[in-house]
Structure formats: structure tokens, C-alpha cells
Amino acid sequence: MQISYETPRLLLRQFEYPDAGTVQNLAGHIEVARSTLNVPHPYEDGMAESWIGYLIKARVARTEFTYAVILKESGQLVGASSIIYTEKHNRAELAYWVGVPYWKCGIGTEAAAVLLTGCFESLPVVKVFAAHFLENTASGRIMEKLGMKREGILRSHFSRWNRQVDSVYYGILRNEWEEKSGSKRS
């Protein structure tokens, strides 16, 4: 996948160590952690730096491509968007989070859309899937806007903060994405 992507409002670029303070501040909100599987709470000192180090290694290994989502106008980092690639199964998972002050602005949809396109254009995937906790309906709306189809609910699929949570899965196949976007792989 590319090193960076642009949309009319956003720049998606690789995370850098100087981003750690902003990541800790944005991802440290309990509302962000509550809506994701892997964002810890509390978000302690050093966690963001460790995460960014992991992302650098994962990009080199071509298993995960996570981008800092930046507002072009202000240069402000507002979230993250990822493609987690599983070569063995010809699929990828789309994941994202946006800081609370930037919710309900279309940023998640805009960032996810450009990464979905980048994924299908640069990786030999047959399918891209995404999941959200049942109560996080806003994330499900993003998936629907991307043309993903709801595939099902896995009941009590994850344990999060000492309680079992349901996870809703969405997916889009390459041929569905090509039809929706008007693209054909050469």
C-alpha cells in the first residue's frame, strides 16, 4: 500500500514517534476505548510509542498498514485508519478510530473509503471485512456507506472490560467493490 493517501479534507500518512502525545490524548478518551477492541484505557505513558513501534514493524512485514488521519487545513492528527492484511486467506480487515472532538464530521467514512480503495488497488485481496461492537452503530453506518454488506452478528464474541460483547461483521468482495467503484483490476 502507498505511504500516504489524500482526500479533499484529509491526509493519511504513516505514524511517526512525535505523534505519540496526540495519540495518547485522543485514544485516551474512554469513549474511544469503549468503542474499540484494542485501544486500552487508561492509555498510559509509553503505550503510544510502543504502538507506533509495532506499526513500523508491521508495515515492513506487510501485515498491517495503519495511517494517521490528518486534517489538511490545520495539520491536526484526528484518528487512525488501518488495513490488516492476511495473505494466506486473500483478505484484509479495515479498522479505524477517530478522536471524540471529531466525531460526526464524516472523517471516519472519508478515511476508510480511501483506504478501502487503496487496499483493493494494491493488495491481491478477494474480500475486505470490518467489525464493530453491536452498540457502536455509528461504525456500522460507516461500513454501510462504503458498500459493505452486513454478514452477521457473533454473539458474546469478545470479552471487553469483564463483559461479553456482540460483534457485527460486514464485508465487501472485490467484484462488489469493482462494480460500486467502476474499477476493474488489470
N, C-alpha and C. Protein backbone atom coordinates (compact mmCIF):
# COMPACT_ATOMS: atom_id res chain seq x y z
N MET A 1 0.85 -1.18 0.00
CA MET A 1 0.00 0.00 0.00
C MET A 1 0.89 1.23 0.00
N GLN A 2 0.33 2.32 -0.42
CA GLN A 2 1.09 3.57 -0.51
C GLN A 2 1.53 4.07 0.86
N ILE A 3 2.51 4.96 0.85
CA ILE A 3 2.99 5.57 2.09
C ILE A 3 1.99 6.58 2.62
N SER A 4 1.26 7.24 1.71
CA SER A 4 0.25 8.21 2.13
C SER A 4 -0.89 8.25 1.12
N TYR A 5 -2.01 8.78 1.57
CA TYR A 5 -3.20 8.98 0.74
C TYR A 5 -3.77 10.35 1.04
N GLU A 6 -4.46 10.93 0.05
CA GLU A 6 -5.11 12.22 0.26
C GLU A 6 -6.55 12.16 -0.20
N THR A 7 -7.38 12.92 0.49
CA THR A 7 -8.76 13.16 0.10
C THR A 7 -8.91 14.68 0.08
N PRO A 8 -10.06 15.19 -0.28
CA PRO A 8 -10.21 16.65 -0.25
C PRO A 8 -9.89 17.28 1.11
N ARG A 9 -10.23 16.61 2.21
CA ARG A 9 -10.01 17.19 3.54
C ARG A 9 -8.87 16.57 4.32
N LEU A 10 -8.45 15.37 3.93
CA LEU A 10 -7.58 14.58 4.79
C LEU A 10 -6.28 14.18 4.11
N LEU A 11 -5.27 14.02 4.94
CA LEU A 11 -4.03 13.37 4.57
C LEU A 11 -3.90 12.15 5.46
N LEU A 12 -3.68 11.01 4.88
CA LEU A 12 -3.40 9.79 5.64
C LEU A 12 -1.93 9.48 5.40
N ARG A 13 -1.17 9.44 6.49
CA ARG A 13 0.27 9.20 6.39
C ARG A 13 0.68 8.22 7.48
N GLN A 14 1.89 7.71 7.36
CA GLN A 14 2.40 6.80 8.37
C GLN A 14 2.53 7.53 9.71
N PHE A 15 2.32 6.79 10.77
CA PHE A 15 2.54 7.36 12.10
C PHE A 15 4.02 7.55 12.34
N GLU A 16 4.35 8.59 13.11
CA GLU A 16 5.72 8.89 13.50
C GLU A 16 5.74 9.03 15.01
N TYR A 17 6.91 8.83 15.61
CA TYR A 17 7.01 8.91 17.07
C TYR A 17 6.53 10.24 17.65
N PRO A 18 6.75 11.39 16.97
CA PRO A 18 6.22 12.64 17.54
C PRO A 18 4.69 12.70 17.64
N ASP A 19 3.98 11.76 17.00
CA ASP A 19 2.51 11.69 17.09
C ASP A 19 2.04 11.09 18.40
N ALA A 20 2.94 10.52 19.18
CA ALA A 20 2.55 9.73 20.35
C ALA A 20 1.71 10.52 21.35
N GLY A 21 2.06 11.76 21.63
CA GLY A 21 1.30 12.55 22.60
C GLY A 21 -0.13 12.77 22.15
N THR A 22 -0.32 13.06 20.88
CA THR A 22 -1.67 13.28 20.35
C THR A 22 -2.46 11.97 20.37
N VAL A 23 -1.81 10.88 20.00
CA VAL A 23 -2.47 9.57 20.04
C VAL A 23 -2.94 9.28 21.46
N GLN A 24 -2.06 9.47 22.43
CA GLN A 24 -2.42 9.21 23.82
C GLN A 24 -3.59 10.08 24.26
N ASN A 25 -3.59 11.33 23.86
CA ASN A 25 -4.67 12.24 24.22
C ASN A 25 -6.00 11.83 23.57
N LEU A 26 -5.99 11.56 22.26
CA LEU A 26 -7.24 11.23 21.56
C LEU A 26 -7.75 9.84 21.92
N ALA A 27 -6.86 8.85 21.85
CA ALA A 27 -7.27 7.47 22.12
C ALA A 27 -7.51 7.26 23.62
N GLY A 28 -6.99 8.17 24.44
CA GLY A 28 -7.16 8.05 25.88
C GLY A 28 -8.56 8.34 26.39
N HIS A 29 -9.42 8.90 25.54
CA HIS A 29 -10.81 9.14 25.94
C HIS A 29 -11.52 7.79 26.11
N ILE A 30 -12.22 7.64 27.20
CA ILE A 30 -12.91 6.38 27.46
C ILE A 30 -13.91 6.05 26.34
N GLU A 31 -14.50 7.08 25.71
CA GLU A 31 -15.47 6.83 24.63
C GLU A 31 -14.81 6.14 23.44
N VAL A 32 -13.56 6.48 23.14
CA VAL A 32 -12.84 5.83 22.05
C VAL A 32 -12.54 4.39 22.44
N ALA A 33 -11.98 4.20 23.62
CA ALA A 33 -11.65 2.85 24.08
C ALA A 33 -12.89 1.96 24.16
N ARG A 34 -13.99 2.52 24.62
CA ARG A 34 -15.23 1.75 24.77
C ARG A 34 -15.73 1.22 23.43
N SER A 35 -15.44 1.94 22.35
CA SER A 35 -15.97 1.56 21.04
C SER A 35 -15.00 0.71 20.21
N THR A 36 -13.85 0.36 20.79
CA THR A 36 -12.85 -0.42 20.07
C THR A 36 -12.43 -1.64 20.88
N LEU A 37 -11.85 -2.61 20.20
CA LEU A 37 -11.41 -3.82 20.88
C LEU A 37 -10.03 -3.65 21.50
N ASN A 38 -9.14 -2.95 20.82
CA ASN A 38 -7.74 -2.98 21.23
C ASN A 38 -7.19 -1.68 21.81
N VAL A 39 -7.98 -0.62 21.88
CA VAL A 39 -7.49 0.62 22.48
C VAL A 39 -7.64 0.49 23.99
N PRO A 40 -6.53 0.60 24.72
CA PRO A 40 -6.59 0.43 26.17
C PRO A 40 -7.13 1.67 26.89
N HIS A 41 -7.62 1.44 28.10
CA HIS A 41 -8.00 2.56 28.97
C HIS A 41 -7.70 2.15 30.40
N PRO A 42 -6.95 2.89 31.14
CA PRO A 42 -6.36 4.17 30.73
C PRO A 42 -5.23 3.97 29.72
N TYR A 43 -4.99 4.99 28.94
CA TYR A 43 -3.93 4.98 27.92
C TYR A 43 -2.69 5.59 28.57
N GLU A 44 -1.83 4.73 29.07
CA GLU A 44 -0.72 5.17 29.91
C GLU A 44 0.47 5.67 29.09
N ASP A 45 1.34 6.42 29.76
CA ASP A 45 2.56 6.91 29.14
C ASP A 45 3.34 5.73 28.56
N GLY A 46 3.88 5.94 27.37
CA GLY A 46 4.69 4.92 26.70
C GLY A 46 3.91 4.00 25.80
N MET A 47 2.59 3.89 26.01
CA MET A 47 1.79 2.97 25.18
C MET A 47 1.75 3.41 23.72
N ALA A 48 1.60 4.69 23.48
CA ALA A 48 1.53 5.19 22.11
C ALA A 48 2.85 4.96 21.39
N GLU A 49 3.96 5.20 22.05
CA GLU A 49 5.27 4.97 21.44
C GLU A 49 5.45 3.49 21.09
N SER A 50 5.03 2.60 21.99
CA SER A 50 5.11 1.16 21.72
C SER A 50 4.24 0.78 20.53
N TRP A 51 3.05 1.35 20.48
CA TRP A 51 2.13 1.06 19.37
C TRP A 51 2.73 1.53 18.05
N ILE A 52 3.28 2.73 18.03
CA ILE A 52 3.88 3.25 16.79
C ILE A 52 5.06 2.37 16.37
N GLY A 53 5.86 1.92 17.32
CA GLY A 53 6.95 0.99 17.00
C GLY A 53 6.44 -0.30 16.38
N TYR A 54 5.35 -0.83 16.94
CA TYR A 54 4.72 -2.02 16.37
C TYR A 54 4.26 -1.75 14.93
N LEU A 55 3.64 -0.59 14.70
CA LEU A 55 3.14 -0.26 13.36
C LEU A 55 4.25 -0.22 12.32
N ILE A 56 5.38 0.31 12.71
CA ILE A 56 6.53 0.38 11.79
C ILE A 56 6.96 -1.03 11.39
N LYS A 57 7.06 -1.94 12.36
CA LYS A 57 7.44 -3.33 12.08
C LYS A 57 6.39 -4.04 11.23
N ALA A 58 5.11 -3.81 11.53
CA ALA A 58 4.03 -4.46 10.79
C ALA A 58 4.00 -3.99 9.33
N ARG A 59 4.30 -2.72 9.09
CA ARG A 59 4.34 -2.21 7.71
C ARG A 59 5.47 -2.90 6.94
N VAL A 60 6.63 -3.03 7.56
CA VAL A 60 7.76 -3.70 6.92
C VAL A 60 7.39 -5.16 6.60
N ALA A 61 6.69 -5.81 7.50
CA ALA A 61 6.26 -7.19 7.30
C ALA A 61 5.08 -7.31 6.33
N ARG A 62 4.49 -6.19 5.95
CA ARG A 62 3.33 -6.12 5.05
C ARG A 62 2.11 -6.86 5.63
N THR A 63 1.93 -6.73 6.94
CA THR A 63 0.77 -7.35 7.58
C THR A 63 -0.25 -6.32 8.05
N GLU A 64 0.20 -5.10 8.30
CA GLU A 64 -0.71 -4.05 8.74
C GLU A 64 -0.21 -2.71 8.22
N PHE A 65 -1.17 -1.95 7.71
CA PHE A 65 -0.88 -0.62 7.18
C PHE A 65 -1.79 0.36 7.90
N THR A 66 -1.24 1.01 8.91
CA THR A 66 -2.03 1.93 9.72
C THR A 66 -1.57 3.35 9.45
N TYR A 67 -2.55 4.22 9.24
CA TYR A 67 -2.28 5.60 8.86
C TYR A 67 -2.82 6.57 9.90
N ALA A 68 -2.03 7.62 10.14
CA ALA A 68 -2.50 8.75 10.92
C ALA A 68 -3.45 9.54 10.03
N VAL A 69 -4.61 9.87 10.55
CA VAL A 69 -5.59 10.67 9.80
C VAL A 69 -5.39 12.12 10.23
N ILE A 70 -5.03 12.96 9.26
CA ILE A 70 -4.67 14.35 9.50
C ILE A 70 -5.63 15.27 8.75
N LEU A 71 -6.13 16.30 9.43
CA LEU A 71 -6.91 17.34 8.73
C LEU A 71 -5.92 18.20 7.95
N LYS A 72 -6.09 18.26 6.63
CA LYS A 72 -5.13 19.00 5.81
C LYS A 72 -5.10 20.49 6.16
N GLU A 73 -6.25 21.07 6.42
CA GLU A 73 -6.33 22.51 6.68
C GLU A 73 -5.53 22.93 7.91
N SER A 74 -5.60 22.14 8.97
CA SER A 74 -4.94 22.51 10.23
C SER A 74 -3.68 21.71 10.53
N GLY A 75 -3.51 20.57 9.87
CA GLY A 75 -2.39 19.69 10.17
C GLY A 75 -2.61 18.86 11.42
N GLN A 76 -3.83 18.89 11.98
CA GLN A 76 -4.15 18.20 13.23
C GLN A 76 -4.38 16.71 13.00
N LEU A 77 -3.72 15.86 13.80
CA LEU A 77 -3.99 14.43 13.80
C LEU A 77 -5.31 14.21 14.52
N VAL A 78 -6.23 13.46 13.89
CA VAL A 78 -7.56 13.28 14.47
C VAL A 78 -7.96 11.82 14.67
N GLY A 79 -7.16 10.88 14.18
CA GLY A 79 -7.52 9.48 14.33
C GLY A 79 -6.57 8.58 13.59
N ALA A 80 -7.02 7.34 13.40
CA ALA A 80 -6.21 6.33 12.72
C ALA A 80 -7.13 5.46 11.86
N SER A 81 -6.57 4.95 10.78
CA SER A 81 -7.30 4.04 9.92
C SER A 81 -6.32 2.98 9.43
N SER A 82 -6.77 1.71 9.43
CA SER A 82 -5.86 0.58 9.18
C SER A 82 -6.42 -0.42 8.19
N ILE A 83 -5.50 -1.07 7.51
CA ILE A 83 -5.75 -2.28 6.75
C ILE A 83 -4.86 -3.35 7.34
N ILE A 84 -5.47 -4.43 7.83
CA ILE A 84 -4.72 -5.55 8.39
C ILE A 84 -4.85 -6.69 7.39
N TYR A 85 -3.73 -7.02 6.76
CA TYR A 85 -3.70 -7.92 5.61
C TYR A 85 -3.36 -9.35 6.03
N THR A 86 -4.16 -10.31 5.57
CA THR A 86 -3.90 -11.73 5.79
C THR A 86 -3.69 -12.38 4.42
N GLU A 87 -2.43 -12.48 4.03
CA GLU A 87 -2.09 -13.01 2.70
C GLU A 87 -2.63 -14.42 2.50
N LYS A 88 -2.50 -15.26 3.51
CA LYS A 88 -2.90 -16.67 3.41
C LYS A 88 -4.36 -16.81 2.96
N HIS A 89 -5.22 -15.89 3.41
CA HIS A 89 -6.65 -16.01 3.11
C HIS A 89 -7.13 -14.98 2.08
N ASN A 90 -6.21 -14.23 1.49
CA ASN A 90 -6.56 -13.23 0.48
C ASN A 90 -7.62 -12.25 0.97
N ARG A 91 -7.45 -11.79 2.21
CA ARG A 91 -8.43 -10.87 2.76
C ARG A 91 -7.72 -9.83 3.61
N ALA A 92 -8.48 -8.80 3.94
CA ALA A 92 -7.95 -7.74 4.81
C ALA A 92 -9.08 -7.26 5.71
N GLU A 93 -8.68 -6.78 6.87
CA GLU A 93 -9.63 -6.17 7.80
C GLU A 93 -9.41 -4.67 7.78
N LEU A 94 -10.50 -3.94 7.72
CA LEU A 94 -10.49 -2.48 7.80
C LEU A 94 -10.83 -2.10 9.24
N ALA A 95 -10.04 -1.22 9.83
CA ALA A 95 -10.30 -0.77 11.19
C ALA A 95 -10.00 0.72 11.28
N TYR A 96 -10.61 1.39 12.25
CA TYR A 96 -10.41 2.84 12.38
C TYR A 96 -10.89 3.32 13.73
N TRP A 97 -10.37 4.47 14.13
CA TRP A 97 -10.92 5.21 15.26
C TRP A 97 -10.68 6.69 15.00
N VAL A 98 -11.56 7.50 15.53
CA VAL A 98 -11.48 8.95 15.40
C VAL A 98 -11.65 9.54 16.79
N GLY A 99 -10.85 10.56 17.10
CA GLY A 99 -10.95 11.23 18.39
C GLY A 99 -12.32 11.86 18.59
N VAL A 100 -12.80 11.84 19.82
CA VAL A 100 -14.16 12.31 20.16
C VAL A 100 -14.46 13.71 19.62
N PRO A 101 -13.54 14.70 19.70
CA PRO A 101 -13.90 16.03 19.19
C PRO A 101 -14.20 16.05 17.68
N TYR A 102 -13.87 14.97 16.98
CA TYR A 102 -14.03 14.94 15.52
C TYR A 102 -15.11 13.95 15.08
N TRP A 103 -15.90 13.45 16.03
CA TRP A 103 -16.99 12.55 15.68
C TRP A 103 -18.07 13.32 14.93
N LYS A 104 -18.81 12.60 14.12
CA LYS A 104 -19.97 13.11 13.37
C LYS A 104 -19.59 14.19 12.36
N CYS A 105 -18.37 14.10 11.83
CA CYS A 105 -17.91 15.04 10.80
C CYS A 105 -17.62 14.34 9.48
N GLY A 106 -17.86 13.04 9.38
CA GLY A 106 -17.59 12.29 8.17
C GLY A 106 -16.14 11.88 7.99
N ILE A 107 -15.32 12.14 8.98
CA ILE A 107 -13.88 11.85 8.86
C ILE A 107 -13.64 10.34 8.78
N GLY A 108 -14.31 9.58 9.62
CA GLY A 108 -14.13 8.13 9.60
C GLY A 108 -14.49 7.53 8.26
N THR A 109 -15.60 7.97 7.69
CA THR A 109 -16.03 7.46 6.39
C THR A 109 -15.03 7.85 5.30
N GLU A 110 -14.60 9.10 5.30
CA GLU A 110 -13.68 9.59 4.27
C GLU A 110 -12.34 8.85 4.33
N ALA A 111 -11.81 8.65 5.53
CA ALA A 111 -10.53 7.95 5.69
C ALA A 111 -10.68 6.47 5.31
N ALA A 112 -11.74 5.84 5.77
CA ALA A 112 -11.95 4.42 5.48
C ALA A 112 -12.15 4.18 3.99
N ALA A 113 -12.85 5.10 3.32
CA ALA A 113 -13.11 4.94 1.89
C ALA A 113 -11.82 4.95 1.07
N VAL A 114 -10.92 5.88 1.38
CA VAL A 114 -9.67 5.95 0.62
C VAL A 114 -8.80 4.73 0.90
N LEU A 115 -8.82 4.22 2.12
CA LEU A 115 -8.04 3.01 2.43
C LEU A 115 -8.64 1.77 1.79
N LEU A 116 -9.95 1.68 1.73
CA LEU A 116 -10.59 0.56 1.08
C LEU A 116 -10.18 0.52 -0.39
N THR A 117 -10.21 1.67 -1.04
CA THR A 117 -9.77 1.76 -2.43
C THR A 117 -8.30 1.37 -2.56
N GLY A 118 -7.46 1.92 -1.69
CA GLY A 118 -6.04 1.59 -1.73
C GLY A 118 -5.79 0.11 -1.53
N CYS A 119 -6.55 -0.50 -0.66
CA CYS A 119 -6.41 -1.93 -0.40
C CYS A 119 -6.73 -2.74 -1.65
N PHE A 120 -7.88 -2.49 -2.25
CA PHE A 120 -8.26 -3.27 -3.43
C PHE A 120 -7.33 -2.98 -4.61
N GLU A 121 -6.79 -1.78 -4.70
CA GLU A 121 -5.92 -1.44 -5.82
C GLU A 121 -4.50 -1.97 -5.65
N SER A 122 -4.06 -2.22 -4.41
CA SER A 122 -2.65 -2.59 -4.24
C SER A 122 -2.40 -3.96 -3.63
N LEU A 123 -3.40 -4.60 -3.10
CA LEU A 123 -3.23 -5.93 -2.50
C LEU A 123 -4.13 -6.94 -3.21
N PRO A 124 -3.68 -8.19 -3.31
CA PRO A 124 -4.48 -9.20 -4.03
C PRO A 124 -5.59 -9.80 -3.16
N VAL A 125 -6.37 -8.93 -2.53
CA VAL A 125 -7.42 -9.42 -1.65
C VAL A 125 -8.69 -9.73 -2.44
N VAL A 126 -9.41 -10.71 -1.96
CA VAL A 126 -10.70 -11.07 -2.52
C VAL A 126 -11.80 -10.38 -1.72
N LYS A 127 -11.50 -10.12 -0.44
CA LYS A 127 -12.51 -9.58 0.47
C LYS A 127 -11.86 -8.65 1.48
N VAL A 128 -12.61 -7.60 1.83
CA VAL A 128 -12.26 -6.75 2.96
C VAL A 128 -13.43 -6.81 3.92
N PHE A 129 -13.12 -7.03 5.20
CA PHE A 129 -14.18 -7.08 6.21
C PHE A 129 -13.88 -6.07 7.31
N ALA A 130 -14.88 -5.80 8.09
CA ALA A 130 -14.76 -4.90 9.24
C ALA A 130 -15.80 -5.35 10.26
N ALA A 131 -15.56 -4.96 11.51
CA ALA A 131 -16.49 -5.35 12.57
C ALA A 131 -16.63 -4.20 13.55
N HIS A 132 -17.77 -4.19 14.24
CA HIS A 132 -17.99 -3.22 15.30
C HIS A 132 -18.80 -3.87 16.41
N PHE A 133 -18.63 -3.34 17.62
CA PHE A 133 -19.46 -3.81 18.72
C PHE A 133 -20.91 -3.44 18.40
N LEU A 134 -21.82 -4.29 18.79
CA LEU A 134 -23.24 -4.11 18.47
C LEU A 134 -23.74 -2.71 18.84
N GLU A 135 -23.30 -2.20 19.99
CA GLU A 135 -23.79 -0.89 20.44
C GLU A 135 -23.18 0.30 19.68
N ASN A 136 -22.11 0.06 18.91
CA ASN A 136 -21.45 1.14 18.17
C ASN A 136 -22.04 1.25 16.76
N THR A 137 -23.28 1.70 16.70
CA THR A 137 -23.99 1.76 15.42
C THR A 137 -23.38 2.77 14.45
N ALA A 138 -22.71 3.80 14.95
CA ALA A 138 -22.08 4.78 14.07
C ALA A 138 -21.02 4.12 13.19
N SER A 139 -20.29 3.19 13.75
CA SER A 139 -19.27 2.47 12.97
C SER A 139 -19.94 1.62 11.90
N GLY A 140 -21.05 1.01 12.22
CA GLY A 140 -21.80 0.23 11.24
C GLY A 140 -22.29 1.09 10.08
N ARG A 141 -22.69 2.32 10.37
CA ARG A 141 -23.13 3.23 9.30
C ARG A 141 -21.97 3.54 8.35
N ILE A 142 -20.77 3.68 8.90
CA ILE A 142 -19.60 3.90 8.03
C ILE A 142 -19.44 2.72 7.08
N MET A 143 -19.51 1.52 7.61
CA MET A 143 -19.34 0.31 6.80
C MET A 143 -20.39 0.25 5.69
N GLU A 144 -21.62 0.59 6.03
CA GLU A 144 -22.68 0.59 5.02
C GLU A 144 -22.42 1.63 3.94
N LYS A 145 -21.95 2.81 4.32
CA LYS A 145 -21.65 3.86 3.34
C LYS A 145 -20.55 3.42 2.38
N LEU A 146 -19.66 2.54 2.84
CA LEU A 146 -18.58 2.04 2.00
C LEU A 146 -19.05 0.94 1.04
N GLY A 147 -20.31 0.54 1.17
CA GLY A 147 -20.84 -0.53 0.32
C GLY A 147 -20.66 -1.91 0.90
N MET A 148 -20.23 -1.97 2.15
CA MET A 148 -20.07 -3.27 2.80
C MET A 148 -21.44 -3.82 3.18
N LYS A 149 -21.54 -5.13 3.13
CA LYS A 149 -22.79 -5.80 3.47
C LYS A 149 -22.68 -6.43 4.86
N ARG A 150 -23.75 -6.28 5.61
CA ARG A 150 -23.79 -6.89 6.94
C ARG A 150 -23.84 -8.40 6.78
N GLU A 151 -22.89 -9.08 7.40
CA GLU A 151 -22.79 -10.53 7.23
C GLU A 151 -23.31 -11.30 8.43
N GLY A 152 -23.32 -10.65 9.59
CA GLY A 152 -23.86 -11.34 10.74
C GLY A 152 -23.34 -10.81 12.06
N ILE A 153 -23.95 -11.32 13.11
CA ILE A 153 -23.57 -10.94 14.47
C ILE A 153 -22.98 -12.17 15.15
N LEU A 154 -21.80 -11.99 15.71
CA LEU A 154 -21.20 -13.03 16.52
C LEU A 154 -21.50 -12.68 17.97
N ARG A 155 -22.35 -13.49 18.60
CA ARG A 155 -22.84 -13.20 19.94
C ARG A 155 -21.77 -13.50 20.99
N SER A 156 -21.65 -12.59 21.95
CA SER A 156 -20.68 -12.73 23.04
C SER A 156 -19.30 -13.15 22.52
N HIS A 157 -18.90 -12.52 21.43
CA HIS A 157 -17.69 -12.93 20.70
C HIS A 157 -16.40 -12.45 21.36
N PHE A 158 -16.45 -11.31 22.01
CA PHE A 158 -15.27 -10.76 22.65
C PHE A 158 -15.55 -10.49 24.12
N SER A 159 -14.50 -10.56 24.91
CA SER A 159 -14.58 -10.14 26.29
C SER A 159 -13.91 -8.77 26.37
N ARG A 160 -14.66 -7.79 26.79
CA ARG A 160 -14.14 -6.42 26.88
C ARG A 160 -14.53 -5.87 28.24
N TRP A 161 -13.55 -5.52 29.03
CA TRP A 161 -13.78 -4.94 30.35
C TRP A 161 -14.71 -5.81 31.20
N ASN A 162 -14.38 -7.07 31.26
CA ASN A 162 -15.09 -8.04 32.10
C ASN A 162 -16.55 -8.26 31.71
N ARG A 163 -16.85 -8.04 30.44
CA ARG A 163 -18.20 -8.39 29.97
C ARG A 163 -18.11 -8.89 28.54
N GLN A 164 -19.00 -9.78 28.18
CA GLN A 164 -19.02 -10.31 26.82
C GLN A 164 -19.78 -9.33 25.92
N VAL A 165 -19.25 -9.10 24.73
CA VAL A 165 -19.89 -8.18 23.79
C VAL A 165 -20.11 -8.86 22.45
N ASP A 166 -21.19 -8.48 21.82
CA ASP A 166 -21.52 -8.96 20.48
C ASP A 166 -20.74 -8.14 19.46
N SER A 167 -20.37 -8.79 18.36
CA SER A 167 -19.64 -8.11 17.30
C SER A 167 -20.39 -8.30 15.98
N VAL A 168 -20.59 -7.20 15.26
CA VAL A 168 -21.30 -7.22 13.99
C VAL A 168 -20.27 -7.14 12.86
N TYR A 169 -20.34 -8.09 11.94
CA TYR A 169 -19.37 -8.16 10.84
C TYR A 169 -19.99 -7.71 9.53
N TYR A 170 -19.18 -6.96 8.78
CA TYR A 170 -19.53 -6.51 7.44
C TYR A 170 -18.43 -6.93 6.49
N GLY A 171 -18.75 -7.08 5.21
CA GLY A 171 -17.73 -7.40 4.23
C GLY A 171 -18.08 -6.89 2.86
N ILE A 172 -17.05 -6.74 2.04
CA ILE A 172 -17.24 -6.40 0.64
C ILE A 172 -16.25 -7.22 -0.16
N LEU A 173 -16.75 -7.87 -1.21
CA LEU A 173 -15.92 -8.67 -2.09
C LEU A 173 -15.35 -7.79 -3.19
N ARG A 174 -14.24 -8.24 -3.76
CA ARG A 174 -13.59 -7.45 -4.82
C ARG A 174 -14.57 -7.12 -5.94
N ASN A 175 -15.32 -8.10 -6.42
CA ASN A 175 -16.23 -7.83 -7.54
C ASN A 175 -17.32 -6.82 -7.14
N GLU A 176 -17.77 -6.83 -5.89
CA GLU A 176 -18.75 -5.84 -5.42
C GLU A 176 -18.13 -4.45 -5.39
N TRP A 177 -16.88 -4.36 -4.91
CA TRP A 177 -16.19 -3.07 -4.87
C TRP A 177 -15.96 -2.56 -6.29
N GLU A 178 -15.54 -3.44 -7.20
CA GLU A 178 -15.32 -3.03 -8.60
C GLU A 178 -16.59 -2.50 -9.23
N GLU A 179 -17.71 -3.18 -8.97
CA GLU A 179 -18.99 -2.73 -9.51
C GLU A 179 -19.39 -1.37 -8.93
N LYS A 180 -19.21 -1.22 -7.63
CA LYS A 180 -19.57 0.03 -6.96
C LYS A 180 -18.68 1.18 -7.39
N SER A 181 -17.39 0.92 -7.55
CA SER A 181 -16.43 2.00 -7.84
C SER A 181 -16.19 2.20 -9.34
N GLY A 182 -16.64 1.25 -10.15
CA GLY A 182 -16.39 1.36 -11.58
C GLY A 182 -14.96 0.96 -11.94
N SER A 183 -14.27 0.28 -11.02
CA SER A 183 -12.87 -0.13 -11.26
C SER A 183 -12.81 -1.59 -11.65
N LYS A 184 -11.85 -1.89 -12.45
CA LYS A 184 -11.55 -3.28 -12.79
C LYS A 184 -10.05 -3.45 -12.64
N ARG A 185 -9.66 -4.54 -11.99
CA ARG A 185 -8.24 -4.82 -11.80
C ARG A 185 -7.65 -5.30 -13.12
N SER A 186 -6.50 -4.74 -13.50
CA SER A 186 -5.89 -5.14 -14.76
C SER A 186 -5.16 -6.44 -14.64
